[in-house]
């Protein structure tokens, strides 16, 4: 009986993990590319290796201090895919054709978009020091996933390929 219970729990855990993987893969495949301007911070962590804690400029706008709880930002992309804040979403206001939702959470008085860290291989920090934009994929529900960083000219930042 004990073996059956352990096996059943393992199947449930694997099912949940695989569903989350599938969900993120769908976000990557179907999401709209959005660039958010960054205010980068310290790109180093002794315990976790090299990474960059990301702060998005959009989250420090005074208009967002009015948000009392988790919700959605309404953003609009310009011709270079850079997102600009329009308003905090309210359920009764329809979106315009050029607007997207971006989910946020309010934690400790600060607005969080969910992708606050970008991890990279140890020793590759210099390749990401020029990061000025976070590249996210956003789906119509407002969910997003961070897929990379870009420089001031909006070019993808990647380390050199090792041979």
C-alpha atoms as a PDB file:
ATOM      1  CA  UNK A   1       0.000   0.000   0.000  1.00  0.00           C
ATOM      2  CA  UNK A   2       2.823   2.370   0.869  1.00  0.00           C
ATOM      3  CA  UNK A   3       4.509   1.827  -2.510  1.00  0.00           C
ATOM      4  CA  UNK A   4       1.283   2.613  -4.344  1.00  0.00           C
ATOM      5  CA  UNK A   5       0.881   5.868  -2.385  1.00  0.00           C
ATOM      6  CA  UNK A   6       4.472   6.942  -3.126  1.00  0.00           C
ATOM      7  CA  UNK A   7       4.017   6.037  -6.802  1.00  0.00           C
ATOM      8  CA  UNK A   8       0.741   8.010  -6.995  1.00  0.00           C
ATOM      9  CA  UNK A   9       2.335  11.072  -5.376  1.00  0.00           C
ATOM     10  CA  UNK A  10       5.289  10.860  -7.789  1.00  0.00           C
ATOM     11  CA  UNK A  11       2.898  10.712 -10.765  1.00  0.00           C
ATOM     12  CA  UNK A  12       0.988  13.774  -9.522  1.00  0.00           C
ATOM     13  CA  UNK A  13       4.215  15.746  -8.939  1.00  0.00           C
ATOM     14  CA  UNK A  14       5.551  14.839 -12.390  1.00  0.00           C
ATOM     15  CA  UNK A  15       2.220  15.773 -13.941  1.00  0.00           C
ATOM     16  CA  UNK A  16       2.242  19.219 -12.295  1.00  0.00           C
ATOM     17  CA  UNK A  17       5.865  19.860 -13.286  1.00  0.00           C
ATOM     18  CA  UNK A  18       5.220  18.828 -16.884  1.00  0.00           C
ATOM     19  CA  UNK A  19       2.113  21.007 -17.062  1.00  0.00           C
ATOM     20  CA  UNK A  20       4.162  24.024 -15.899  1.00  0.00           C
ATOM     21  CA  UNK A  21       6.825  23.259 -18.511  1.00  0.00           C
ATOM     22  CA  UNK A  22       4.133  23.004 -21.201  1.00  0.00           C
ATOM     23  CA  UNK A  23       2.604  26.308 -20.015  1.00  0.00           C
ATOM     24  CA  UNK A  24       5.970  28.127 -20.281  1.00  0.00           C
ATOM     25  CA  UNK A  25       6.637  26.586 -23.699  1.00  0.00           C
ATOM     26  CA  UNK A  26       3.259  27.891 -24.903  1.00  0.00           C
ATOM     27  CA  UNK A  27       4.146  31.348 -23.555  1.00  0.00           C
ATOM     28  CA  UNK A  28       7.417  31.263 -25.504  1.00  0.00           C
ATOM     29  CA  UNK A  29       5.756  30.052 -28.700  1.00  0.00           C
ATOM     30  CA  UNK A  30       2.655  32.258 -28.696  1.00  0.00           C
ATOM     31  CA  UNK A  31       3.717  35.317 -26.714  1.00  0.00           C
ATOM     32  CA  UNK A  32       4.185  38.789 -28.138  1.00  0.00           C
ATOM     33  CA  UNK A  33       7.710  40.186 -27.782  1.00  0.00           C
ATOM     34  CA  UNK A  34       7.818  43.171 -25.450  1.00  0.00           C
ATOM     35  CA  UNK A  35      10.921  45.115 -24.402  1.00  0.00           C
ATOM     36  CA  UNK A  36      10.914  46.750 -20.974  1.00  0.00           C
ATOM     37  CA  UNK A  37      13.534  49.341 -20.074  1.00  0.00           C
ATOM     38  CA  UNK A  38      15.785  48.233 -17.225  1.00  0.00           C
ATOM     39  CA  UNK A  39      17.446  49.813 -14.256  1.00  0.00           C
ATOM     40  CA  UNK A  40      20.067  47.061 -13.624  1.00  0.00           C
ATOM     41  CA  UNK A  41      21.527  46.212 -10.238  1.00  0.00           C
ATOM     42  CA  UNK A  42      24.429  44.147  -8.897  1.00  0.00           C
ATOM     43  CA  UNK A  43      25.229  41.259 -11.302  1.00  0.00           C
ATOM     44  CA  UNK A  44      26.776  38.940  -8.700  1.00  0.00           C
ATOM     45  CA  UNK A  45      25.700  36.454  -6.052  1.00  0.00           C
ATOM     46  CA  UNK A  46      28.161  34.336  -4.070  1.00  0.00           C
ATOM     47  CA  UNK A  47      25.608  31.605  -3.340  1.00  0.00           C
ATOM     48  CA  UNK A  48      23.801  31.474  -6.669  1.00  0.00           C
ATOM     49  CA  UNK A  49      26.567  32.275  -9.152  1.00  0.00           C
ATOM     50  CA  UNK A  50      26.399  35.058 -11.690  1.00  0.00           C
ATOM     51  CA  UNK A  51      23.061  36.693 -12.243  1.00  0.00           C
ATOM     52  CA  UNK A  52      21.514  40.103 -12.621  1.00  0.00           C
ATOM     53  CA  UNK A  53      18.668  41.312 -10.451  1.00  0.00           C
ATOM     54  CA  UNK A  54      16.385  43.235 -12.764  1.00  0.00           C
ATOM     55  CA  UNK A  55      14.376  46.300 -11.963  1.00  0.00           C
ATOM     56  CA  UNK A  56      12.076  47.546 -14.669  1.00  0.00           C
ATOM     57  CA  UNK A  57      11.790  51.299 -15.084  1.00  0.00           C
ATOM     58  CA  UNK A  58       8.051  50.943 -15.674  1.00  0.00           C
ATOM     59  CA  UNK A  59       7.546  49.598 -12.103  1.00  0.00           C
ATOM     60  CA  UNK A  60       8.860  52.793 -10.513  1.00  0.00           C
ATOM     61  CA  UNK A  61       6.291  55.105 -12.110  1.00  0.00           C
ATOM     62  CA  UNK A  62       4.350  57.208  -9.571  1.00  0.00           C
ATOM     63  CA  UNK A  63       1.026  56.067 -11.075  1.00  0.00           C
ATOM     64  CA  UNK A  64       1.699  52.531  -9.859  1.00  0.00           C
ATOM     65  CA  UNK A  65       1.937  53.577  -6.223  1.00  0.00           C
ATOM     66  CA  UNK A  66      -1.879  53.816  -6.358  1.00  0.00           C
ATOM     67  CA  UNK A  67      -2.147  50.058  -6.914  1.00  0.00           C
ATOM     68  CA  UNK A  68      -3.492  48.475  -3.743  1.00  0.00           C
ATOM     69  CA  UNK A  69      -3.214  44.848  -4.809  1.00  0.00           C
ATOM     70  CA  UNK A  70      -2.076  42.540  -7.600  1.00  0.00           C
ATOM     71  CA  UNK A  71      -3.395  43.372 -11.035  1.00  0.00           C
ATOM     72  CA  UNK A  72      -2.537  44.185 -14.627  1.00  0.00           C
ATOM     73  CA  UNK A  73      -0.772  47.032 -16.371  1.00  0.00           C
ATOM     74  CA  UNK A  74      -2.013  48.163 -19.743  1.00  0.00           C
ATOM     75  CA  UNK A  75       1.008  48.704 -21.970  1.00  0.00           C
ATOM     76  CA  UNK A  76       1.490  49.809 -25.548  1.00  0.00           C
ATOM     77  CA  UNK A  77       4.448  48.862 -27.735  1.00  0.00           C
ATOM     78  CA  UNK A  78       6.101  51.401 -29.979  1.00  0.00           C
ATOM     79  CA  UNK A  79       7.551  50.599 -33.413  1.00  0.00           C
ATOM     80  CA  UNK A  80      10.717  49.190 -31.762  1.00  0.00           C
ATOM     81  CA  UNK A  81       8.716  46.824 -29.478  1.00  0.00           C
ATOM     82  CA  UNK A  82       9.493  48.909 -26.359  1.00  0.00           C
ATOM     83  CA  UNK A  83       6.550  48.910 -23.952  1.00  0.00           C
ATOM     84  CA  UNK A  84       5.134  52.100 -22.471  1.00  0.00           C
ATOM     85  CA  UNK A  85       2.743  52.320 -19.529  1.00  0.00           C
ATOM     86  CA  UNK A  86      -0.781  53.441 -20.381  1.00  0.00           C
ATOM     87  CA  UNK A  87      -2.799  52.753 -17.219  1.00  0.00           C
ATOM     88  CA  UNK A  88      -3.662  50.218 -14.568  1.00  0.00           C
ATOM     89  CA  UNK A  89      -6.230  47.819 -15.996  1.00  0.00           C
ATOM     90  CA  UNK A  90      -9.791  47.962 -14.729  1.00  0.00           C
ATOM     91  CA  UNK A  91     -12.174  45.152 -15.603  1.00  0.00           C
ATOM     92  CA  UNK A  92     -14.785  47.370 -17.214  1.00  0.00           C
ATOM     93  CA  UNK A  93     -12.399  49.167 -19.600  1.00  0.00           C
ATOM     94  CA  UNK A  94     -11.871  47.420 -22.949  1.00  0.00           C
ATOM     95  CA  UNK A  95      -8.390  47.269 -24.445  1.00  0.00           C
ATOM     96  CA  UNK A  96      -7.561  49.094 -27.649  1.00  0.00           C
ATOM     97  CA  UNK A  97      -6.133  47.094 -30.572  1.00  0.00           C
ATOM     98  CA  UNK A  98      -2.568  48.207 -29.817  1.00  0.00           C
ATOM     99  CA  UNK A  99      -2.689  47.552 -26.047  1.00  0.00           C
ATOM    100  CA  UNK A 100      -1.507  44.527 -24.059  1.00  0.00           C
ATOM    101  CA  UNK A 101      -1.982  43.379 -20.500  1.00  0.00           C
ATOM    102  CA  UNK A 102       1.024  42.697 -18.264  1.00  0.00           C
ATOM    103  CA  UNK A 103       0.400  41.006 -14.930  1.00  0.00           C
ATOM    104  CA  UNK A 104       2.003  42.467 -11.803  1.00  0.00           C
ATOM    105  CA  UNK A 105       2.110  41.606  -8.130  1.00  0.00           C
ATOM    106  CA  UNK A 106       2.436  44.086  -5.297  1.00  0.00           C
ATOM    107  CA  UNK A 107       4.874  42.783  -2.686  1.00  0.00           C
ATOM    108  CA  UNK A 108       6.211  44.830   0.200  1.00  0.00           C
ATOM    109  CA  UNK A 109       4.939  48.027  -1.384  1.00  0.00           C
ATOM    110  CA  UNK A 110       6.826  47.320  -4.636  1.00  0.00           C
ATOM    111  CA  UNK A 111       5.536  46.275  -8.039  1.00  0.00           C
ATOM    112  CA  UNK A 112       6.964  42.962  -9.303  1.00  0.00           C
ATOM    113  CA  UNK A 113       6.512  41.605 -12.821  1.00  0.00           C
ATOM    114  CA  UNK A 114       7.662  38.071 -12.018  1.00  0.00           C
ATOM    115  CA  UNK A 115      10.922  38.022 -13.969  1.00  0.00           C
ATOM    116  CA  UNK A 116      13.225  39.849 -11.571  1.00  0.00           C
ATOM    117  CA  UNK A 117      16.405  37.793 -12.107  1.00  0.00           C
ATOM    118  CA  UNK A 118      18.449  36.826 -15.145  1.00  0.00           C
ATOM    119  CA  UNK A 119      20.958  34.007 -14.576  1.00  0.00           C
ATOM    120  CA  UNK A 120      23.991  33.445 -16.799  1.00  0.00           C
ATOM    121  CA  UNK A 121      27.068  31.266 -16.867  1.00  0.00           C
ATOM    122  CA  UNK A 122      29.836  32.145 -14.428  1.00  0.00           C
ATOM    123  CA  UNK A 123      32.366  34.492 -16.000  1.00  0.00           C
ATOM    124  CA  UNK A 124      29.938  35.884 -18.577  1.00  0.00           C
ATOM    125  CA  UNK A 125      28.849  38.957 -16.599  1.00  0.00           C
ATOM    126  CA  UNK A 126      30.751  41.319 -18.912  1.00  0.00           C
ATOM    127  CA  UNK A 127      28.505  40.275 -21.818  1.00  0.00           C
ATOM    128  CA  UNK A 128      25.415  41.481 -19.939  1.00  0.00           C
ATOM    129  CA  UNK A 129      26.752  44.684 -18.339  1.00  0.00           C
ATOM    130  CA  UNK A 130      25.252  46.742 -21.186  1.00  0.00           C
ATOM    131  CA  UNK A 131      21.729  45.426 -20.663  1.00  0.00           C
ATOM    132  CA  UNK A 132      19.150  48.181 -21.071  1.00  0.00           C
ATOM    133  CA  UNK A 133      16.035  46.171 -21.898  1.00  0.00           C
ATOM    134  CA  UNK A 134      14.474  42.955 -20.704  1.00  0.00           C
ATOM    135  CA  UNK A 135      12.883  40.912 -23.489  1.00  0.00           C
ATOM    136  CA  UNK A 136       9.635  39.321 -22.390  1.00  0.00           C
ATOM    137  CA  UNK A 137       7.020  37.257 -24.161  1.00  0.00           C
ATOM    138  CA  UNK A 138       3.508  38.247 -23.136  1.00  0.00           C
ATOM    139  CA  UNK A 139       0.269  36.404 -23.900  1.00  0.00           C
ATOM    140  CA  UNK A 140      -3.211  38.011 -23.988  1.00  0.00           C
ATOM    141  CA  UNK A 141      -3.936  36.892 -20.401  1.00  0.00           C
ATOM    142  CA  UNK A 142      -1.072  39.134 -19.204  1.00  0.00           C
ATOM    143  CA  UNK A 143       1.251  36.301 -18.203  1.00  0.00           C
ATOM    144  CA  UNK A 144       4.869  36.822 -19.230  1.00  0.00           C
ATOM    145  CA  UNK A 145       8.251  35.123 -19.267  1.00  0.00           C
ATOM    146  CA  UNK A 146      11.706  36.703 -19.535  1.00  0.00           C
ATOM    147  CA  UNK A 147      13.562  35.358 -22.587  1.00  0.00           C
ATOM    148  CA  UNK A 148      16.656  37.563 -22.733  1.00  0.00           C
ATOM    149  CA  UNK A 149      18.338  40.919 -22.377  1.00  0.00           C
ATOM    150  CA  UNK A 150      19.028  43.584 -24.990  1.00  0.00           C
ATOM    151  CA  UNK A 151      21.433  46.523 -25.260  1.00  0.00           C
ATOM    152  CA  UNK A 152      20.632  50.202 -25.838  1.00  0.00           C
ATOM    153  CA  UNK A 153      20.163  49.570 -29.583  1.00  0.00           C
ATOM    154  CA  UNK A 154      17.787  46.699 -28.711  1.00  0.00           C
ATOM    155  CA  UNK A 155      20.200  44.025 -29.977  1.00  0.00           C
ATOM    156  CA  UNK A 156      20.058  40.675 -28.123  1.00  0.00           C
ATOM    157  CA  UNK A 157      22.886  40.166 -25.622  1.00  0.00           C
ATOM    158  CA  UNK A 158      24.489  36.747 -25.747  1.00  0.00           C
ATOM    159  CA  UNK A 159      27.866  35.398 -24.715  1.00  0.00           C
ATOM    160  CA  UNK A 160      30.258  34.227 -27.443  1.00  0.00           C
ATOM    161  CA  UNK A 161      29.827  30.648 -28.616  1.00  0.00           C
ATOM    162  CA  UNK A 162      32.486  28.360 -27.153  1.00  0.00           C
ATOM    163  CA  UNK A 163      34.207  26.139 -29.708  1.00  0.00           C
END
